[in-house]
Amino acid sequence: MHIELTNLLGLDLYTTKGVYVGRVQDVVIESSEGVIVSLAVVNVNKKLFNVGNKGILIPYRWITAVGDIALMMHPMKASSSEEKVPEFRAGE
């Protein structure tokens, strides 16, 4: 999927089941290859992720579509491999 980074910032992120996940605040890039590694998401839906007032890093491989909004695999399916979603403090 080819996309300009600035198009991701501020997008609302939903699961493929239509559940709100949060808002994309930043993008994490692997600099040597220039590929997106994860999305830093804030205003996280606490029903999906137990993170308190922190944001989360969503692996970019979980993203299924980007347009007016971004879509990701539903967390139950995405985390079936027991992968933990990293947290971060918004503004870091």
Protein backbone atom coordinates (compact mmCIF):
# COMPACT_ATOMS: atom_id res chain seq x y z
CA MET A 1 0.00 0.00 0.00
CA HIS A 2 1.56 3.32 -1.12
CA ILE A 3 0.54 6.43 0.84
CA GLU A 4 1.98 9.81 1.80
CA LEU A 5 2.72 10.09 5.51
CA THR A 6 0.87 13.37 5.91
CA ASN A 7 -2.31 11.66 4.68
CA LEU A 8 -2.23 9.38 7.74
CA LEU A 9 -1.94 12.09 10.39
CA GLY A 10 -5.23 12.90 12.08
CA LEU A 11 -7.14 10.02 10.52
CA ASP A 12 -9.70 8.20 12.62
CA LEU A 13 -8.86 4.51 12.91
CA TYR A 14 -11.59 1.86 12.96
CA THR A 15 -11.58 -1.92 12.98
CA THR A 16 -12.95 -3.84 10.02
CA LYS A 17 -15.99 -4.47 12.24
CA GLY A 18 -16.66 -0.71 12.41
CA VAL A 19 -15.43 -0.17 15.99
CA TYR A 20 -13.60 3.10 16.71
CA VAL A 21 -9.97 2.52 17.76
CA GLY A 22 -8.57 6.07 18.02
CA ARG A 23 -6.92 8.88 16.06
CA VAL A 24 -3.56 8.63 14.28
CA GLN A 25 -1.16 11.10 15.90
CA ASP A 26 2.15 10.05 14.37
CA VAL A 27 3.85 7.50 12.13
CA VAL A 28 6.86 5.36 13.05
CA ILE A 29 9.23 4.71 10.15
CA GLU A 30 12.07 2.22 9.80
CA SER A 31 14.62 4.67 8.45
CA SER A 32 17.02 2.35 6.62
CA GLU A 33 14.25 0.97 4.39
CA GLY A 34 11.85 3.92 4.53
CA VAL A 35 8.83 1.79 5.40
CA ILE A 36 6.08 2.47 7.92
CA VAL A 37 6.41 0.24 10.97
CA SER A 38 3.52 1.42 13.14
CA LEU A 39 0.96 4.14 13.77
CA ALA A 40 0.94 6.08 17.03
CA VAL A 41 -2.73 6.27 18.03
CA VAL A 42 -4.28 8.51 20.71
CA ASN A 43 -7.82 8.90 22.08
CA VAL A 44 -7.81 5.11 22.26
CA ASN A 45 -11.08 3.23 22.73
CA LYS A 46 -10.66 1.82 26.23
CA LYS A 47 -13.11 -0.99 25.45
CA LEU A 48 -10.59 -2.39 22.96
CA PHE A 49 -7.27 -1.60 24.68
CA ASN A 50 -6.68 -1.19 28.41
CA VAL A 51 -4.14 1.65 28.25
CA GLY A 52 -5.44 4.32 30.62
CA ASN A 53 -4.52 7.76 29.28
CA LYS A 54 -1.70 6.47 27.10
CA GLY A 55 -1.59 6.03 23.37
CA ILE A 56 -0.73 2.82 21.53
CA LEU A 57 1.47 1.80 18.63
CA ILE A 58 -0.50 -0.21 16.09
CA PRO A 59 1.66 -2.39 13.82
CA TYR A 60 1.21 -1.12 10.26
CA ARG A 61 0.78 -4.68 9.00
CA TRP A 62 -2.58 -4.66 10.85
CA ILE A 63 -3.80 -1.77 8.64
CA THR A 64 -6.09 -3.02 5.89
CA ALA A 65 -7.20 0.22 4.18
CA VAL A 66 -6.54 3.97 4.20
CA GLY A 67 -8.83 6.62 2.75
CA ASP A 68 -11.01 9.15 4.55
CA ILE A 69 -10.45 6.89 7.58
CA ALA A 70 -8.04 4.04 8.27
CA LEU A 71 -9.15 0.45 8.87
CA MET A 72 -7.32 -2.23 10.82
CA MET A 73 -7.92 -5.88 11.63
CA HIS A 74 -10.14 -6.30 14.67
CA PRO A 75 -7.89 -6.67 17.79
CA MET A 76 -9.09 -10.19 18.65
CA LYS A 77 -8.02 -11.41 15.22
CA ALA A 78 -4.94 -9.16 15.10
CA SER A 79 -3.68 -10.27 18.50
CA SER A 80 -4.35 -13.97 18.01
CA SER A 81 -0.58 -14.43 17.79
CA GLU A 82 -0.31 -13.19 21.41
CA GLU A 83 1.42 -10.01 20.19
CA LYS A 84 1.27 -7.14 22.69
CA VAL A 85 0.48 -3.62 21.46
CA PRO A 86 3.09 -1.16 22.82
CA GLU A 87 1.91 1.89 24.75
CA PHE A 88 3.31 5.41 24.72
CA ARG A 89 2.53 8.68 26.45
CA ALA A 90 0.80 11.10 24.08
CA GLY A 91 3.11 13.97 23.24
CA GLU A 92 6.35 11.93 23.50
